[in-house]
């Protein structure tokens, strides 16, 4: 399945690159808000379900370069490279049934690079003013996905002691780790849909990207009884985006 998907995406990039020989083209930058969403759709039954977070929402920014080309009658594409940085934290969660301590909070940081192709259609609503609809794939490579757990405990004298544990979720862990340390794959492929507005050299675009492959890495672990289990965790890594930009060079 992955081979078929990557062959298709390579064809998309090749066709888009071949078709940019047109007088209606431009090159510029874009920057905006991004919300990566890591979804957990099918956790392994080997772990307590109440220990899992079904959705991890992060907020940050996206910046990149874009090449825009119109081929015929408003139909065209935008090709580009983006860098995304996002982070977030969970609410404090009590780790016991008596009192407010100990309690923990999870802090997450995410960095990624992506190559994207958006096929688009521009509707000219006034002179040099366009509305656009677009759709297309994105290939993303995760650089950092760190989860830092901060735990607060209270001593018998009432003093609050804080400890932290940091976990790189792209690195395989020991056989006896728990679900807070699930491993992720660096590669993600999405398909996005969106709409935008362009006036002369300036534009705004916003949409949603659906994850097409499972971002969770399957692996084996051994429980305390010495029995071996397979972890088959399933989910998606989606993303909301809103970007503004301008073309340094635009030929209409």
C-alpha atoms as a PDB file:
ATOM      1  CA  UNK A   1       0.000   0.000   0.000  1.00  0.00           C
ATOM      2  CA  UNK A   2       2.791   2.414   0.909  1.00  0.00           C
ATOM      3  CA  UNK A   3       4.637   1.636  -2.349  1.00  0.00           C
ATOM      4  CA  UNK A   4       1.501   2.391  -4.359  1.00  0.00           C
ATOM      5  CA  UNK A   5       0.937   5.612  -2.421  1.00  0.00           C
ATOM      6  CA  UNK A   6       4.494   6.867  -2.901  1.00  0.00           C
ATOM      7  CA  UNK A   7       4.447   5.979  -6.607  1.00  0.00           C
ATOM      8  CA  UNK A   8       1.261   8.009  -6.984  1.00  0.00           C
ATOM      9  CA  UNK A   9       2.720  10.980  -5.089  1.00  0.00           C
ATOM     10  CA  UNK A  10       5.902  10.874  -7.160  1.00  0.00           C
ATOM     11  CA  UNK A  11       3.744  11.031 -10.282  1.00  0.00           C
ATOM     12  CA  UNK A  12       1.858  14.009  -8.861  1.00  0.00           C
ATOM     13  CA  UNK A  13       5.108  15.889  -8.229  1.00  0.00           C
ATOM     14  CA  UNK A  14       6.479  15.024 -11.663  1.00  0.00           C
ATOM     15  CA  UNK A  15       3.338  16.145 -13.508  1.00  0.00           C
ATOM     16  CA  UNK A  16       3.150  19.370 -11.510  1.00  0.00           C
ATOM     17  CA  UNK A  17       6.819  20.179 -12.130  1.00  0.00           C
ATOM     18  CA  UNK A  18       6.455  19.468 -15.856  1.00  0.00           C
ATOM     19  CA  UNK A  19       3.369  21.675 -16.159  1.00  0.00           C
ATOM     20  CA  UNK A  20       4.813  24.852 -14.627  1.00  0.00           C
ATOM     21  CA  UNK A  21       6.131  26.118 -17.977  1.00  0.00           C
ATOM     22  CA  UNK A  22       3.407  28.758 -18.241  1.00  0.00           C
ATOM     23  CA  UNK A  23       3.297  32.590 -18.246  1.00  0.00           C
ATOM     24  CA  UNK A  24       0.831  32.642 -15.312  1.00  0.00           C
ATOM     25  CA  UNK A  25       3.155  31.910 -12.418  1.00  0.00           C
ATOM     26  CA  UNK A  26       4.629  33.334  -9.251  1.00  0.00           C
ATOM     27  CA  UNK A  27       7.093  32.660  -6.438  1.00  0.00           C
ATOM     28  CA  UNK A  28       6.693  33.789  -2.846  1.00  0.00           C
ATOM     29  CA  UNK A  29       6.473  32.961   0.855  1.00  0.00           C
ATOM     30  CA  UNK A  30       3.693  32.082   3.265  1.00  0.00           C
ATOM     31  CA  UNK A  31       3.337  32.021   7.044  1.00  0.00           C
ATOM     32  CA  UNK A  32       0.457  31.194   9.337  1.00  0.00           C
ATOM     33  CA  UNK A  33      -1.152  29.117  12.067  1.00  0.00           C
ATOM     34  CA  UNK A  34      -1.047  25.317  12.199  1.00  0.00           C
ATOM     35  CA  UNK A  35      -2.804  22.823  14.468  1.00  0.00           C
ATOM     36  CA  UNK A  36      -1.443  19.257  14.164  1.00  0.00           C
ATOM     37  CA  UNK A  37      -3.877  16.710  15.622  1.00  0.00           C
ATOM     38  CA  UNK A  38      -2.603  13.266  16.623  1.00  0.00           C
ATOM     39  CA  UNK A  39      -5.581  10.904  16.802  1.00  0.00           C
ATOM     40  CA  UNK A  40      -5.715   7.504  18.489  1.00  0.00           C
ATOM     41  CA  UNK A  41      -8.381   5.442  16.723  1.00  0.00           C
ATOM     42  CA  UNK A  42      -7.636   1.856  17.748  1.00  0.00           C
ATOM     43  CA  UNK A  43      -5.407   1.366  20.814  1.00  0.00           C
ATOM     44  CA  UNK A  44      -4.048  -2.007  21.817  1.00  0.00           C
ATOM     45  CA  UNK A  45      -6.303  -3.787  24.325  1.00  0.00           C
ATOM     46  CA  UNK A  46      -3.192  -4.775  26.285  1.00  0.00           C
ATOM     47  CA  UNK A  47      -3.271  -1.402  28.077  1.00  0.00           C
ATOM     48  CA  UNK A  48      -5.882   0.330  30.252  1.00  0.00           C
ATOM     49  CA  UNK A  49      -7.949   2.526  27.935  1.00  0.00           C
ATOM     50  CA  UNK A  50      -8.348   5.221  30.591  1.00  0.00           C
ATOM     51  CA  UNK A  51      -4.574   5.777  30.511  1.00  0.00           C
ATOM     52  CA  UNK A  52      -4.679   6.885  26.853  1.00  0.00           C
ATOM     53  CA  UNK A  53      -5.367  10.289  25.320  1.00  0.00           C
ATOM     54  CA  UNK A  54      -7.584   9.857  22.259  1.00  0.00           C
ATOM     55  CA  UNK A  55      -6.626  13.221  20.733  1.00  0.00           C
ATOM     56  CA  UNK A  56      -3.507  15.364  21.139  1.00  0.00           C
ATOM     57  CA  UNK A  57      -4.021  18.882  19.742  1.00  0.00           C
ATOM     58  CA  UNK A  58      -1.003  21.123  19.267  1.00  0.00           C
ATOM     59  CA  UNK A  59      -0.865  24.761  18.159  1.00  0.00           C
ATOM     60  CA  UNK A  60       1.950  26.571  16.387  1.00  0.00           C
ATOM     61  CA  UNK A  61       3.031  28.193  13.167  1.00  0.00           C
ATOM     62  CA  UNK A  62       3.916  27.199   9.618  1.00  0.00           C
ATOM     63  CA  UNK A  63       6.307  28.987   7.258  1.00  0.00           C
ATOM     64  CA  UNK A  64       7.448  28.118   3.750  1.00  0.00           C
ATOM     65  CA  UNK A  65       8.067  28.975   0.129  1.00  0.00           C
ATOM     66  CA  UNK A  66       5.506  28.489  -2.658  1.00  0.00           C
ATOM     67  CA  UNK A  67       5.487  28.318  -6.447  1.00  0.00           C
ATOM     68  CA  UNK A  68       2.114  29.061  -8.052  1.00  0.00           C
ATOM     69  CA  UNK A  69       1.240  28.296 -11.696  1.00  0.00           C
ATOM     70  CA  UNK A  70      -2.018  28.515 -13.672  1.00  0.00           C
ATOM     71  CA  UNK A  71      -2.228  26.221 -16.690  1.00  0.00           C
ATOM     72  CA  UNK A  72      -5.523  26.836 -18.413  1.00  0.00           C
ATOM     73  CA  UNK A  73      -8.761  28.737 -17.630  1.00  0.00           C
ATOM     74  CA  UNK A  74      -7.951  29.251 -13.952  1.00  0.00           C
ATOM     75  CA  UNK A  75      -6.833  25.679 -13.287  1.00  0.00           C
ATOM     76  CA  UNK A  76      -3.339  25.257 -11.839  1.00  0.00           C
ATOM     77  CA  UNK A  77      -1.303  24.177  -8.845  1.00  0.00           C
ATOM     78  CA  UNK A  78       0.830  25.406  -5.981  1.00  0.00           C
ATOM     79  CA  UNK A  79       4.023  23.540  -5.061  1.00  0.00           C
ATOM     80  CA  UNK A  80       6.066  24.312  -1.984  1.00  0.00           C
ATOM     81  CA  UNK A  81       8.056  23.403   1.118  1.00  0.00           C
ATOM     82  CA  UNK A  82       6.891  24.204   4.650  1.00  0.00           C
ATOM     83  CA  UNK A  83       8.359  24.045   8.134  1.00  0.00           C
ATOM     84  CA  UNK A  84       5.946  23.551  11.046  1.00  0.00           C
ATOM     85  CA  UNK A  85       6.581  24.013  14.770  1.00  0.00           C
ATOM     86  CA  UNK A  86       3.784  23.366  17.277  1.00  0.00           C
ATOM     87  CA  UNK A  87       3.367  22.580  20.942  1.00  0.00           C
ATOM     88  CA  UNK A  88       0.836  22.159  23.703  1.00  0.00           C
ATOM     89  CA  UNK A  89       0.150  20.780  27.144  1.00  0.00           C
ATOM     90  CA  UNK A  90      -2.547  18.728  28.821  1.00  0.00           C
ATOM     91  CA  UNK A  91      -4.549  19.598  31.917  1.00  0.00           C
ATOM     92  CA  UNK A  92      -3.202  18.570  35.301  1.00  0.00           C
ATOM     93  CA  UNK A  93      -4.268  15.001  36.110  1.00  0.00           C
ATOM     94  CA  UNK A  94      -4.270  13.486  39.595  1.00  0.00           C
ATOM     95  CA  UNK A  95      -2.316  10.232  39.871  1.00  0.00           C
ATOM     96  CA  UNK A  96      -4.055   9.067  43.015  1.00  0.00           C
ATOM     97  CA  UNK A  97      -7.494   8.905  44.602  1.00  0.00           C
ATOM     98  CA  UNK A  98      -6.706  10.866  47.791  1.00  0.00           C
ATOM     99  CA  UNK A  99      -5.782  14.558  47.744  1.00  0.00           C
ATOM    100  CA  UNK A 100      -4.543  16.724  44.864  1.00  0.00           C
ATOM    101  CA  UNK A 101      -1.027  15.241  44.774  1.00  0.00           C
ATOM    102  CA  UNK A 102       0.734  13.611  43.102  1.00  0.00           C
ATOM    103  CA  UNK A 103      -0.455  15.077  39.801  1.00  0.00           C
ATOM    104  CA  UNK A 104       1.069  15.268  36.330  1.00  0.00           C
ATOM    105  CA  UNK A 105       0.906  17.373  33.185  1.00  0.00           C
ATOM    106  CA  UNK A 106       2.157  16.466  29.694  1.00  0.00           C
ATOM    107  CA  UNK A 107       3.989  19.026  27.521  1.00  0.00           C
ATOM    108  CA  UNK A 108       4.473  18.205  23.821  1.00  0.00           C
ATOM    109  CA  UNK A 109       6.703  19.788  21.144  1.00  0.00           C
ATOM    110  CA  UNK A 110       6.497  18.952  17.425  1.00  0.00           C
ATOM    111  CA  UNK A 111       8.666  19.992  14.437  1.00  0.00           C
ATOM    112  CA  UNK A 112       8.283  18.810  10.826  1.00  0.00           C
ATOM    113  CA  UNK A 113       9.206  19.555   7.204  1.00  0.00           C
ATOM    114  CA  UNK A 114       6.831  18.923   4.322  1.00  0.00           C
ATOM    115  CA  UNK A 115       6.624  18.995   0.533  1.00  0.00           C
ATOM    116  CA  UNK A 116       3.133  19.696  -0.793  1.00  0.00           C
ATOM    117  CA  UNK A 117       1.227  19.954  -4.077  1.00  0.00           C
ATOM    118  CA  UNK A 118      -2.166  21.674  -4.198  1.00  0.00           C
ATOM    119  CA  UNK A 119      -4.242  21.511  -7.358  1.00  0.00           C
ATOM    120  CA  UNK A 120      -6.390  24.611  -7.473  1.00  0.00           C
ATOM    121  CA  UNK A 121      -8.994  26.509  -9.432  1.00  0.00           C
ATOM    122  CA  UNK A 122      -9.125  30.309  -9.274  1.00  0.00           C
ATOM    123  CA  UNK A 123     -12.352  32.220  -9.853  1.00  0.00           C
ATOM    124  CA  UNK A 124     -11.708  35.815 -10.950  1.00  0.00           C
ATOM    125  CA  UNK A 125     -14.313  37.921  -9.103  1.00  0.00           C
ATOM    126  CA  UNK A 126     -12.791  41.305  -9.985  1.00  0.00           C
ATOM    127  CA  UNK A 127      -9.667  42.678 -11.637  1.00  0.00           C
ATOM    128  CA  UNK A 128      -6.650  40.905 -10.100  1.00  0.00           C
ATOM    129  CA  UNK A 129      -8.917  39.457  -7.389  1.00  0.00           C
ATOM    130  CA  UNK A 130      -9.554  35.714  -7.086  1.00  0.00           C
ATOM    131  CA  UNK A 131     -11.331  33.156  -4.975  1.00  0.00           C
ATOM    132  CA  UNK A 132      -9.755  29.685  -5.055  1.00  0.00           C
ATOM    133  CA  UNK A 133     -10.480  26.080  -4.124  1.00  0.00           C
ATOM    134  CA  UNK A 134      -7.656  23.575  -3.772  1.00  0.00           C
ATOM    135  CA  UNK A 135      -6.871  19.971  -2.895  1.00  0.00           C
ATOM    136  CA  UNK A 136      -3.749  17.841  -2.907  1.00  0.00           C
ATOM    137  CA  UNK A 137      -1.184  15.712  -1.053  1.00  0.00           C
ATOM    138  CA  UNK A 138       1.604  16.513   1.362  1.00  0.00           C
ATOM    139  CA  UNK A 139       4.608  14.384   2.343  1.00  0.00           C
ATOM    140  CA  UNK A 140       5.763  15.231   5.879  1.00  0.00           C
ATOM    141  CA  UNK A 141       8.930  14.277   7.721  1.00  0.00           C
ATOM    142  CA  UNK A 142       8.860  14.596  11.503  1.00  0.00           C
ATOM    143  CA  UNK A 143      11.988  16.120  13.019  1.00  0.00           C
ATOM    144  CA  UNK A 144      11.030  16.257  16.708  1.00  0.00           C
ATOM    145  CA  UNK A 145       8.082  14.861  18.674  1.00  0.00           C
ATOM    146  CA  UNK A 146       8.982  15.205  22.350  1.00  0.00           C
ATOM    147  CA  UNK A 147       6.651  14.584  25.282  1.00  0.00           C
ATOM    148  CA  UNK A 148       7.772  15.957  28.652  1.00  0.00           C
ATOM    149  CA  UNK A 149       5.829  14.784  31.709  1.00  0.00           C
ATOM    150  CA  UNK A 150       5.947  17.110  34.691  1.00  0.00           C
ATOM    151  CA  UNK A 151       4.962  15.485  38.004  1.00  0.00           C
ATOM    152  CA  UNK A 152       4.292  17.342  41.252  1.00  0.00           C
ATOM    153  CA  UNK A 153       4.362  15.550  44.617  1.00  0.00           C
ATOM    154  CA  UNK A 154       3.810  16.855  48.141  1.00  0.00           C
ATOM    155  CA  UNK A 155       6.109  15.941  51.019  1.00  0.00           C
ATOM    156  CA  UNK A 156       4.897  15.294  54.554  1.00  0.00           C
ATOM    157  CA  UNK A 157       5.996  18.867  55.395  1.00  0.00           C
ATOM    158  CA  UNK A 158       3.756  20.292  52.659  1.00  0.00           C
ATOM    159  CA  UNK A 159       6.581  21.128  50.249  1.00  0.00           C
ATOM    160  CA  UNK A 160       5.804  20.671  46.507  1.00  0.00           C
ATOM    161  CA  UNK A 161       8.495  18.736  44.618  1.00  0.00           C
ATOM    162  CA  UNK A 162       8.525  18.728  40.817  1.00  0.00           C
ATOM    163  CA  UNK A 163      10.184  16.088  38.612  1.00  0.00           C
ATOM    164  CA  UNK A 164      10.251  15.858  34.814  1.00  0.00           C
ATOM    165  CA  UNK A 165      10.685  13.011  32.331  1.00  0.00           C
ATOM    166  CA  UNK A 166      11.296  13.696  28.617  1.00  0.00           C
ATOM    167  CA  UNK A 167      10.505  11.168  25.899  1.00  0.00           C
ATOM    168  CA  UNK A 168      11.431  11.380  22.201  1.00  0.00           C
ATOM    169  CA  UNK A 169       8.520   9.544  20.583  1.00  0.00           C
ATOM    170  CA  UNK A 170      10.479   8.824  17.381  1.00  0.00           C
ATOM    171  CA  UNK A 171      12.926   6.575  19.261  1.00  0.00           C
ATOM    172  CA  UNK A 172      12.204   2.944  20.190  1.00  0.00           C
ATOM    173  CA  UNK A 173      11.945   2.364  23.903  1.00  0.00           C
ATOM    174  CA  UNK A 174      12.582  -0.457  26.309  1.00  0.00           C
ATOM    175  CA  UNK A 175      10.360  -3.509  26.201  1.00  0.00           C
ATOM    176  CA  UNK A 176       8.499  -2.606  29.389  1.00  0.00           C
ATOM    177  CA  UNK A 177       7.437   0.950  28.542  1.00  0.00           C
ATOM    178  CA  UNK A 178       3.829   2.074  28.927  1.00  0.00           C
ATOM    179  CA  UNK A 179       1.324   3.803  26.639  1.00  0.00           C
ATOM    180  CA  UNK A 180       2.545   7.296  27.496  1.00  0.00           C
ATOM    181  CA  UNK A 181       5.685   6.351  25.525  1.00  0.00           C
ATOM    182  CA  UNK A 182       4.128   5.053  22.307  1.00  0.00           C
ATOM    183  CA  UNK A 183       6.535   5.210  19.380  1.00  0.00           C
ATOM    184  CA  UNK A 184       5.706   7.205  16.245  1.00  0.00           C
ATOM    185  CA  UNK A 185       7.015   7.030  12.681  1.00  0.00           C
ATOM    186  CA  UNK A 186       8.672  10.122  11.206  1.00  0.00           C
ATOM    187  CA  UNK A 187       6.900   9.783   7.855  1.00  0.00           C
ATOM    188  CA  UNK A 188       3.358  11.057   7.359  1.00  0.00           C
ATOM    189  CA  UNK A 189       1.288  11.579   4.209  1.00  0.00           C
ATOM    190  CA  UNK A 190      -1.826  13.743   4.167  1.00  0.00           C
ATOM    191  CA  UNK A 191      -4.470  14.852   1.679  1.00  0.00           C
ATOM    192  CA  UNK A 192      -5.769  18.370   2.132  1.00  0.00           C
ATOM    193  CA  UNK A 193      -8.758  20.423   1.023  1.00  0.00           C
ATOM    194  CA  UNK A 194      -9.185  24.166   1.395  1.00  0.00           C
ATOM    195  CA  UNK A 195     -10.137  27.554   0.032  1.00  0.00           C
ATOM    196  CA  UNK A 196      -8.422  30.894  -0.364  1.00  0.00           C
ATOM    197  CA  UNK A 197      -8.463  34.482  -1.572  1.00  0.00           C
ATOM    198  CA  UNK A 198      -5.894  36.347  -3.656  1.00  0.00           C
ATOM    199  CA  UNK A 199      -5.581  40.061  -4.428  1.00  0.00           C
ATOM    200  CA  UNK A 200      -2.729  40.984  -6.750  1.00  0.00           C
ATOM    201  CA  UNK A 201       0.413  39.547  -5.073  1.00  0.00           C
ATOM    202  CA  UNK A 202      -1.204  38.818  -1.694  1.00  0.00           C
ATOM    203  CA  UNK A 203      -3.157  35.734  -0.653  1.00  0.00           C
ATOM    204  CA  UNK A 204      -4.710  33.856   2.255  1.00  0.00           C
ATOM    205  CA  UNK A 205      -5.368  30.103   2.266  1.00  0.00           C
ATOM    206  CA  UNK A 206      -6.894  27.796   4.846  1.00  0.00           C
ATOM    207  CA  UNK A 207      -7.895  24.150   5.015  1.00  0.00           C
ATOM    208  CA  UNK A 208      -7.689  20.728   6.632  1.00  0.00           C
ATOM    209  CA  UNK A 209      -5.286  17.858   5.938  1.00  0.00           C
ATOM    210  CA  UNK A 210      -6.342  14.244   6.533  1.00  0.00           C
ATOM    211  CA  UNK A 211      -3.640  11.733   7.513  1.00  0.00           C
ATOM    212  CA  UNK A 212      -3.441   8.813   5.056  1.00  0.00           C
ATOM    213  CA  UNK A 213      -1.041   6.485   6.859  1.00  0.00           C
ATOM    214  CA  UNK A 214      -0.782   5.189  10.418  1.00  0.00           C
ATOM    215  CA  UNK A 215       1.696   7.359  12.385  1.00  0.00           C
ATOM    216  CA  UNK A 216       2.034   4.825  15.207  1.00  0.00           C
ATOM    217  CA  UNK A 217       4.894   2.332  15.008  1.00  0.00           C
ATOM    218  CA  UNK A 218       4.009  -1.288  15.806  1.00  0.00           C
ATOM    219  CA  UNK A 219       6.393  -3.108  18.096  1.00  0.00           C
ATOM    220  CA  UNK A 220       6.605  -5.977  20.569  1.00  0.00           C
ATOM    221  CA  UNK A 221       6.947  -5.873  24.328  1.00  0.00           C
ATOM    222  CA  UNK A 222       7.244  -8.502  27.068  1.00  0.00           C
ATOM    223  CA  UNK A 223       5.032  -8.275  30.124  1.00  0.00           C
ATOM    224  CA  UNK A 224       6.034  -9.214  33.660  1.00  0.00           C
ATOM    225  CA  UNK A 225       4.857 -12.808  33.156  1.00  0.00           C
ATOM    226  CA  UNK A 226       7.272 -13.212  30.263  1.00  0.00           C
ATOM    227  CA  UNK A 227       4.557 -13.409  27.605  1.00  0.00           C
ATOM    228  CA  UNK A 228       5.085 -11.562  24.317  1.00  0.00           C
ATOM    229  CA  UNK A 229       2.366  -9.365  22.798  1.00  0.00           C
ATOM    230  CA  UNK A 230       2.097  -7.310  19.605  1.00  0.00           C
ATOM    231  CA  UNK A 231       1.020  -3.703  19.856  1.00  0.00           C
ATOM    232  CA  UNK A 232      -1.154  -2.720  16.881  1.00  0.00           C
ATOM    233  CA  UNK A 233      -2.011   0.896  17.550  1.00  0.00           C
ATOM    234  CA  UNK A 234      -3.865   2.794  14.821  1.00  0.00           C
ATOM    235  CA  UNK A 235      -4.504   6.491  14.327  1.00  0.00           C
ATOM    236  CA  UNK A 236      -3.993   9.544  12.125  1.00  0.00           C
ATOM    237  CA  UNK A 237      -1.923  12.713  12.170  1.00  0.00           C
ATOM    238  CA  UNK A 238      -4.149  15.474  10.731  1.00  0.00           C
ATOM    239  CA  UNK A 239      -3.639  19.221  10.539  1.00  0.00           C
ATOM    240  CA  UNK A 240      -5.591  22.501  10.362  1.00  0.00           C
ATOM    241  CA  UNK A 241      -3.832  25.413   8.621  1.00  0.00           C
ATOM    242  CA  UNK A 242      -4.438  29.099   7.901  1.00  0.00           C
ATOM    243  CA  UNK A 243      -1.707  30.889   5.932  1.00  0.00           C
ATOM    244  CA  UNK A 244      -1.129  34.371   4.544  1.00  0.00           C
ATOM    245  CA  UNK A 245       1.503  35.129   1.934  1.00  0.00           C
ATOM    246  CA  UNK A 246       2.799  37.225  -0.885  1.00  0.00           C
ATOM    247  CA  UNK A 247       4.548  36.656  -4.196  1.00  0.00           C
ATOM    248  CA  UNK A 248       7.889  38.407  -4.642  1.00  0.00           C
ATOM    249  CA  UNK A 249       7.609  37.708  -8.351  1.00  0.00           C
ATOM    250  CA  UNK A 250       4.302  37.234 -10.137  1.00  0.00           C
ATOM    251  CA  UNK A 251       3.689  37.064 -13.898  1.00  0.00           C
ATOM    252  CA  UNK A 252       0.037  37.259 -14.908  1.00  0.00           C
END
